């Protein structure tokens, strides 16, 4: 069975629990359990460690399938894979040998701790600092948002390299949950993406110094090589999968004998609105697969993705996917009308997709990425397009 076949089987579990997950704003325990058992938590782990040996192209395809079932659960999985990729590519040999087989067996779900009070979601800076004593480092981290943190088995967290280092000198540290004192703060009652349970957490503990992933103070290299690329590709794929699912549902309803009278399959207005929504999704899909191919090609050739052109393409993918998938579902809601498109009691979950996808432009703010892309554009005088 391929990873895609496995994802399709898991999708049914995610679909079954999606409405309840959304209504209760509860972590999708059943969906994540199915992902653990399926082996998909180890999609990006090499076969020598018991994983599926997939690459980012597999991540993109699987994410779309899972998101068609439940976007919250798919995003939890994609962000876990983002952490796994960083471990595969940058963890030391002892940590890889110890941790990767556990992840591949579904025993370890990893959450990301990169937000910081006072700086928001800025990825490459942090105020909390590591304290090292011999071969041990001490962590005390107060994060306002940790997606799925209440249920994580381990955390990859950013820490300032030393107490006297600048806040841009950041280390990435893996910390198992059983070596932490965990305090959850606040509640989670958002508009959409309710199953991600992105609560605040205070995390305190000690780990061996070889749990630092990459060079001490060298998180920027890990982020640009791994976490930014897998993050943007995975998120965009999830958003596209959810929006595509919304369109499939509406097209199916329009073609059904049970369609509402307000949905006229022979109307020019219906055709025009469907066409515009389809064009949004076609463009996102094409750009997603083009940028995915660029990252795969760079990795296979050993070429760094830390260059202005590739970073512009990744930023553009994230912003474009966030805006256009939401726009597509907005068009579908308008076409479906009040009772079918806007009510929670509708036979198809357009309303949930609309709320979920509204978060896409806020999940690592589009404004921040547009500013970065404008600056990078001045460094790419040849304007090398994707």
Protein backbone atom coordinates (compact mmCIF):
# COMPACT_ATOMS: atom_id res chain seq x y z
CA UNK A 1 0.00 0.00 0.00
CA UNK A 2 1.36 3.42 -0.96
CA UNK A 3 1.40 6.43 1.35
CA UNK A 4 -1.46 7.91 -0.69
CA UNK A 5 -3.52 4.74 -0.28
CA UNK A 6 -2.87 4.87 3.45
CA UNK A 7 -3.85 8.55 3.56
CA UNK A 8 -7.14 7.80 1.81
CA UNK A 9 -7.93 5.17 4.42
CA UNK A 10 -7.12 7.57 7.27
CA UNK A 11 -9.14 10.32 5.60
CA UNK A 12 -12.35 8.48 6.36
CA UNK A 13 -11.55 8.56 10.09
CA UNK A 14 -10.76 12.27 9.92
CA UNK A 15 -14.03 12.97 8.05
CA UNK A 16 -16.05 11.00 10.59
CA UNK A 17 -14.83 13.15 13.49
CA UNK A 18 -14.36 16.53 11.75
CA UNK A 19 -17.70 18.06 12.73
CA UNK A 20 -17.40 17.08 16.39
CA UNK A 21 -13.79 18.27 16.51
CA UNK A 22 -14.92 21.64 15.16
CA UNK A 23 -17.97 21.99 17.44
CA UNK A 24 -16.09 21.13 20.63
CA UNK A 25 -12.73 22.76 19.72
CA UNK A 26 -11.20 19.48 20.90
CA UNK A 27 -7.90 17.96 19.83
CA UNK A 28 -8.65 15.26 17.20
CA UNK A 29 -7.61 12.30 19.33
CA UNK A 30 -9.16 9.65 17.06
CA UNK A 31 -7.66 11.15 13.90
CA UNK A 32 -4.19 11.46 15.39
CA UNK A 33 -4.42 7.90 16.72
CA UNK A 34 -5.22 6.73 13.18
CA UNK A 35 -2.22 8.65 11.87
CA UNK A 36 0.03 7.08 14.50
CA UNK A 37 -1.14 3.58 13.58
CA UNK A 38 -0.89 4.20 9.84
CA UNK A 39 2.83 4.97 9.82
CA UNK A 40 2.25 8.40 8.27
CA UNK A 41 3.96 10.12 11.21
CA UNK A 42 7.10 8.59 9.73
CA UNK A 43 6.45 9.61 6.12
CA UNK A 44 9.68 11.65 5.85
CA UNK A 45 11.83 9.29 7.90
CA UNK A 46 14.35 7.19 5.91
CA UNK A 47 13.60 3.47 5.67
CA UNK A 48 16.76 2.62 7.60
CA UNK A 49 15.01 4.03 10.70
CA UNK A 50 11.71 2.27 9.95
CA UNK A 51 10.05 5.19 8.18
CA UNK A 52 8.32 5.36 4.81
CA UNK A 53 11.25 7.12 3.10
CA UNK A 54 9.10 9.81 1.50
CA UNK A 55 10.09 13.28 0.35
CA UNK A 56 8.39 16.68 0.27
CA UNK A 57 6.50 15.73 -2.90
CA UNK A 58 4.88 12.91 -0.91
CA UNK A 59 4.18 15.36 1.93
CA UNK A 60 2.30 17.64 -0.47
CA UNK A 61 0.15 14.85 -1.92
CA UNK A 62 -0.68 13.22 1.43
CA UNK A 63 -1.50 16.58 3.06
CA UNK A 64 -4.13 17.31 0.42
CA UNK A 65 -5.83 13.97 1.01
CA UNK A 66 -5.86 14.34 4.80
CA UNK A 67 -7.12 17.94 4.65
CA UNK A 68 -10.11 16.82 2.62
CA UNK A 69 -11.14 14.90 5.74
CA UNK A 70 -10.29 17.46 8.44
CA UNK A 71 -8.13 20.52 7.96
CA UNK A 72 -7.26 20.84 11.66
CA UNK A 73 -5.94 17.27 11.81
CA UNK A 74 -4.08 17.64 8.52
CA UNK A 75 -2.35 20.79 9.76
CA UNK A 76 -1.33 19.05 12.99
CA UNK A 77 0.18 16.25 10.90
CA UNK A 78 1.90 18.62 8.44
CA UNK A 79 3.48 20.62 11.27
CA UNK A 80 4.67 17.38 12.87
CA UNK A 81 6.28 16.44 9.55
CA UNK A 82 7.92 19.87 9.46
CA UNK A 83 9.63 19.05 12.76
CA UNK A 84 10.56 15.55 11.60
CA UNK A 85 12.25 16.89 8.47
CA UNK A 86 14.43 19.15 10.61
CA UNK A 87 15.45 16.18 12.76
CA UNK A 88 16.20 13.96 9.76
CA UNK A 89 18.36 16.61 8.11
CA UNK A 90 20.03 18.27 11.10
CA UNK A 91 19.91 16.20 14.32
CA UNK A 92 23.09 14.54 15.56
CA UNK A 93 23.59 10.84 14.98
CA UNK A 94 22.78 9.75 18.54
CA UNK A 95 19.52 11.67 18.63
CA UNK A 96 18.52 10.38 15.20
CA UNK A 97 19.23 6.77 16.16
CA UNK A 98 17.25 7.12 19.38
CA UNK A 99 14.29 9.20 18.20
CA UNK A 100 13.54 8.51 14.54
CA UNK A 101 12.50 4.84 14.98
CA UNK A 102 10.08 5.90 17.73
CA UNK A 103 8.50 8.50 15.46
CA UNK A 104 8.26 5.97 12.63
CA UNK A 105 6.41 3.56 14.94
CA UNK A 106 3.91 6.28 15.78
CA UNK A 107 5.08 6.59 19.38
CA UNK A 108 6.14 10.25 19.19
CA UNK A 109 4.10 13.21 17.96
CA UNK A 110 6.20 16.39 17.91
CA UNK A 111 4.88 19.91 18.43
CA UNK A 112 6.70 23.11 17.54
CA UNK A 113 7.52 25.86 20.04
CA UNK A 114 8.63 28.96 18.13
CA UNK A 115 6.27 31.71 19.30
CA UNK A 116 7.44 34.06 22.03
CA UNK A 117 5.68 36.63 24.19
CA UNK A 118 6.34 40.11 22.83
CA UNK A 119 7.60 39.03 19.39
CA UNK A 120 4.66 37.03 18.10
CA UNK A 121 5.44 34.39 15.51
CA UNK A 122 8.75 35.80 14.23
CA UNK A 123 10.61 32.57 13.55
CA UNK A 124 14.27 33.54 13.76
CA UNK A 125 14.38 35.39 17.09
CA UNK A 126 13.60 34.41 20.69
CA UNK A 127 14.11 35.96 24.12
CA UNK A 128 14.27 32.88 26.41
CA UNK A 129 17.83 31.56 26.70
CA UNK A 130 19.44 28.16 27.26
CA UNK A 131 21.54 27.58 30.36
CA UNK A 132 24.25 24.96 29.90
CA UNK A 133 25.97 23.09 32.69
CA UNK A 134 28.43 20.48 31.48
CA UNK A 135 26.62 18.15 29.10
CA UNK A 136 23.14 19.34 30.10
CA UNK A 137 21.05 22.30 28.99
CA UNK A 138 18.21 23.80 31.01
CA UNK A 139 15.08 25.14 29.31
CA UNK A 140 12.50 27.58 30.60
CA UNK A 141 10.16 28.64 27.81
CA UNK A 142 6.90 30.59 27.87
CA UNK A 143 5.12 30.25 24.52
CA UNK A 144 1.76 31.95 23.81
CA UNK A 145 0.78 29.42 21.11
CA UNK A 146 1.74 25.74 20.79
CA UNK A 147 -0.35 23.84 18.26
CA UNK A 148 -1.39 20.49 19.73
CA UNK A 149 0.98 20.97 22.64
CA UNK A 150 -1.28 19.40 25.25
CA UNK A 151 -1.03 16.07 23.41
CA UNK A 152 2.54 16.19 22.10
CA UNK A 153 5.08 13.54 23.11
CA UNK A 154 7.99 15.86 22.41
CA UNK A 155 8.78 19.42 21.40
CA UNK A 156 11.20 21.13 19.07
CA UNK A 157 11.71 24.56 20.57
CA UNK A 158 13.76 27.60 19.73
CA UNK A 159 15.94 29.08 22.49
CA UNK A 160 18.46 31.90 22.55
CA UNK A 161 21.84 30.20 22.43
CA UNK A 162 23.16 31.75 25.68
CA UNK A 163 21.99 34.38 28.14
CA UNK A 164 24.32 37.02 26.65
CA UNK A 165 23.70 36.15 22.99
CA UNK A 166 21.58 38.41 20.76
CA UNK A 167 17.99 37.26 20.32
CA UNK A 168 18.82 36.30 16.72
CA UNK A 169 21.43 33.75 17.88
CA UNK A 170 19.00 30.88 18.26
CA UNK A 171 19.38 27.16 18.95
CA UNK A 172 16.78 24.48 18.18
CA UNK A 173 16.37 21.88 20.93
CA UNK A 174 14.43 18.63 21.06
CA UNK A 175 12.80 18.01 24.44
CA UNK A 176 10.79 14.85 25.27
CA UNK A 177 7.62 15.55 27.23
CA UNK A 178 8.69 13.26 30.09
CA UNK A 179 11.67 15.56 30.73
CA UNK A 180 9.50 18.68 31.07
CA UNK A 181 7.29 20.34 33.63
CA UNK A 182 4.33 21.51 31.57
CA UNK A 183 1.83 24.23 32.46
CA UNK A 184 -1.00 25.00 30.05
CA UNK A 185 -2.25 28.57 29.93
CA UNK A 186 -5.38 30.14 28.51
CA UNK A 187 -8.17 28.63 26.46
CA UNK A 188 -8.71 27.89 22.78
CA UNK A 189 -12.02 29.06 21.31
CA UNK A 190 -11.21 30.43 17.83
CA UNK A 191 -13.29 31.12 14.73
CA UNK A 192 -11.81 28.23 12.75
CA UNK A 193 -9.07 25.59 12.92
CA UNK A 194 -10.63 24.68 16.21
CA UNK A 195 -9.16 21.19 16.48
CA UNK A 196 -5.56 22.40 16.50
CA UNK A 197 -5.82 23.35 20.19
CA UNK A 198 -3.14 26.06 19.89
CA UNK A 199 -2.86 26.95 23.57
CA UNK A 200 -0.23 28.81 25.57
CA UNK A 201 2.31 26.71 27.48
CA UNK A 202 5.12 27.16 29.98
CA UNK A 203 7.77 24.46 29.56
CA UNK A 204 10.64 23.86 32.00
CA UNK A 205 13.17 21.04 32.01
CA UNK A 206 16.65 19.67 31.27
CA UNK A 207 17.98 17.61 28.38
CA UNK A 208 21.41 16.42 27.18
CA UNK A 209 23.30 19.03 25.17
CA UNK A 210 23.29 16.72 22.14
CA UNK A 211 19.55 17.36 21.86
CA UNK A 212 20.45 20.63 20.17
CA UNK A 213 19.48 20.18 16.51
CA UNK A 214 22.01 21.70 14.14
CA UNK A 215 24.84 23.90 15.35
CA UNK A 216 24.39 25.78 18.66
CA UNK A 217 23.08 29.19 17.71
CA UNK A 218 22.60 27.95 14.13
CA UNK A 219 18.84 27.68 13.92
CA UNK A 220 18.67 30.02 10.93
CA UNK A 221 20.41 27.39 8.80
CA UNK A 222 17.95 24.70 9.95
CA UNK A 223 14.97 26.98 9.30
CA UNK A 224 15.98 28.02 5.79
CA UNK A 225 17.10 24.53 4.77
CA UNK A 226 14.17 22.62 6.22
CA UNK A 227 11.45 24.16 8.35
CA UNK A 228 10.43 27.08 6.13
CA UNK A 229 10.25 24.95 2.99
CA UNK A 230 8.32 22.06 4.56
CA UNK A 231 6.10 24.49 6.46
CA UNK A 232 5.01 26.49 3.42
CA UNK A 233 4.63 23.41 1.21
CA UNK A 234 2.67 21.50 3.83
CA UNK A 235 0.38 24.39 4.77
CA UNK A 236 -0.39 25.26 1.15
CA UNK A 237 -1.17 21.62 0.40
CA UNK A 238 -3.52 21.40 3.38
CA UNK A 239 -5.38 24.56 2.39
CA UNK A 240 -5.69 23.36 -1.20
CA UNK A 241 -6.97 19.96 -0.08
CA UNK A 242 -9.67 21.54 2.09
CA UNK A 243 -10.76 23.99 -0.62
CA UNK A 244 -10.82 21.24 -3.24
CA UNK A 245 -12.96 19.13 -0.93
CA UNK A 246 -15.38 22.04 -0.56
CA UNK A 247 -15.67 22.33 -4.33
CA UNK A 248 -16.15 18.58 -4.75
CA UNK A 249 -18.99 18.68 -2.21
CA UNK A 250 -20.76 21.58 -3.93
CA UNK A 251 -20.34 20.17 -7.44
CA UNK A 252 -21.70 16.86 -6.21
CA UNK A 253 -24.68 18.59 -4.64
CA UNK A 254 -25.43 20.62 -7.77
CA UNK A 255 -25.39 17.43 -9.85
CA UNK A 256 -27.55 15.57 -7.33
CA UNK A 257 -31.32 15.10 -7.72
CA UNK A 258 -31.56 16.38 -4.12
CA UNK A 259 -30.01 19.76 -4.91
CA UNK A 260 -31.81 22.82 -3.53
CA UNK A 261 -33.96 24.66 -6.03
CA UNK A 262 -31.74 27.72 -5.61
CA UNK A 263 -28.84 25.85 -7.25
CA UNK A 264 -29.55 25.78 -10.97
CA UNK A 265 -27.01 23.63 -12.78
CA UNK A 266 -27.97 25.23 -16.12
CA UNK A 267 -27.56 28.81 -14.98
CA UNK A 268 -24.84 30.92 -16.60
CA UNK A 269 -24.25 32.57 -13.22
CA UNK A 270 -23.66 29.18 -11.60
CA UNK A 271 -21.24 28.21 -14.34
CA UNK A 272 -19.33 31.51 -14.09
CA UNK A 273 -18.96 31.28 -10.31
CA UNK A 274 -17.85 27.66 -10.47
CA UNK A 275 -15.34 28.59 -13.15
CA UNK A 276 -13.78 31.34 -11.05
CA UNK A 277 -13.50 29.12 -7.99
CA UNK A 278 -11.99 26.35 -10.12
CA UNK A 279 -9.45 28.79 -11.59
CA UNK A 280 -8.36 29.82 -8.09
CA UNK A 281 -7.68 26.19 -7.20
CA UNK A 282 -6.00 25.39 -10.52
CA UNK A 283 -3.55 28.27 -10.05
CA UNK A 284 -2.72 27.31 -6.46
CA UNK A 285 -2.24 23.68 -7.48
CA UNK A 286 0.04 24.56 -10.39
CA UNK A 287 2.23 26.87 -8.31
CA UNK A 288 2.33 24.41 -5.40
CA UNK A 289 3.59 21.61 -7.65
CA UNK A 290 6.07 23.91 -9.39
CA UNK A 291 7.64 25.06 -6.11
CA UNK A 292 7.59 21.51 -4.75
CA UNK A 293 9.55 20.36 -7.80
CA UNK A 294 12.06 23.16 -7.22
CA UNK A 295 12.66 22.10 -3.61
CA UNK A 296 12.94 18.41 -4.56
CA UNK A 297 15.40 19.26 -7.33
CA UNK A 298 17.54 21.40 -5.02
CA UNK A 299 17.63 18.71 -2.36
CA UNK A 300 18.53 15.94 -4.80
CA UNK A 301 21.34 18.07 -6.22
CA UNK A 302 22.58 19.21 -2.80
CA UNK A 303 21.84 22.85 -3.65
CA UNK A 304 20.90 25.17 -0.81
CA UNK A 305 17.39 26.62 -0.85
CA UNK A 306 18.68 29.58 1.17
CA UNK A 307 18.82 31.96 -1.76
CA UNK A 308 16.61 34.96 -2.58
CA UNK A 309 14.89 33.35 -5.56
CA UNK A 310 13.78 30.15 -3.82
CA UNK A 311 12.78 31.97 -0.66
CA UNK A 312 10.64 34.35 -2.77
CA UNK A 313 8.96 31.36 -4.41
CA UNK A 314 8.21 29.76 -1.03
CA UNK A 315 6.86 33.02 0.41
CA UNK A 316 4.77 33.61 -2.70
CA UNK A 317 3.35 30.10 -2.45
CA UNK A 318 2.26 30.60 1.13
CA UNK A 319 0.64 34.00 0.53
CA UNK A 320 -1.01 32.98 -2.73
CA UNK A 321 -2.35 29.70 -1.38
CA UNK A 322 -3.70 31.40 1.75
CA UNK A 323 -5.49 34.10 -0.23
CA UNK A 324 -6.77 32.08 -3.18
CA UNK A 325 -8.06 29.00 -1.37
CA UNK A 326 -10.06 31.24 0.95
CA UNK A 327 -11.26 33.25 -2.04
CA UNK A 328 -12.38 30.08 -3.79
CA UNK A 329 -14.42 28.91 -0.81
CA UNK A 330 -15.84 32.41 -0.37
CA UNK A 331 -17.06 32.20 -3.98
CA UNK A 332 -18.60 28.78 -3.27
CA UNK A 333 -20.41 30.09 -0.20
CA UNK A 334 -21.82 32.95 -2.28
CA UNK A 335 -22.95 30.53 -4.96
CA UNK A 336 -24.47 28.06 -2.50
CA UNK A 337 -26.45 30.76 -0.72
CA UNK A 338 -27.56 31.20 2.86
CA UNK A 339 -29.04 27.80 3.69
CA UNK A 340 -26.45 25.63 1.90
CA UNK A 341 -23.32 27.78 2.14
CA UNK A 342 -23.64 29.65 5.43
CA UNK A 343 -25.46 27.49 7.96
CA UNK A 344 -23.75 24.98 10.23
CA UNK A 345 -26.68 22.63 9.62
CA UNK A 346 -26.00 22.46 5.87
CA UNK A 347 -25.59 19.07 4.23
CA UNK A 348 -22.08 20.13 3.13
CA UNK A 349 -19.53 21.85 5.45
CA UNK A 350 -18.81 24.98 3.39
CA UNK A 351 -19.26 27.11 6.50
CA UNK A 352 -16.53 25.19 8.35
CA UNK A 353 -14.13 25.37 5.40
CA UNK A 354 -14.76 29.12 5.17
CA UNK A 355 -13.90 29.64 8.85
CA UNK A 356 -10.89 27.34 8.74
CA UNK A 357 -9.37 28.94 5.63
CA UNK A 358 -9.80 32.45 7.00
CA UNK A 359 -6.92 31.60 9.34
CA UNK A 360 -4.52 30.84 6.47
CA UNK A 361 -3.37 34.43 5.95
CA UNK A 362 -2.86 34.83 9.73
CA UNK A 363 -0.91 31.60 10.22
CA UNK A 364 2.52 33.23 10.02
CA UNK A 365 1.19 36.55 8.78
CA UNK A 366 1.01 37.24 5.07
CA UNK A 367 1.98 40.84 5.87
CA UNK A 368 5.30 39.69 7.34
CA UNK A 369 6.04 37.49 4.33
CA UNK A 370 5.17 40.22 1.84
CA UNK A 371 7.62 42.56 3.56
CA UNK A 372 10.32 39.89 3.41
CA UNK A 373 9.57 39.13 -0.25
CA UNK A 374 9.84 42.80 -1.16
CA UNK A 375 13.25 43.00 0.48
CA UNK A 376 14.42 39.77 -1.19
CA UNK A 377 13.24 41.06 -4.57
CA UNK A 378 15.91 43.77 -4.42
CA UNK A 379 18.51 41.00 -4.12
CA UNK A 380 17.26 39.08 -7.16
CA UNK A 381 18.06 41.53 -9.93
CA UNK A 382 17.51 38.90 -12.62
CA UNK A 383 13.92 38.38 -11.38
CA UNK A 384 14.08 34.58 -11.74
CA UNK A 385 10.47 33.48 -11.78
CA UNK A 386 9.18 30.04 -10.74
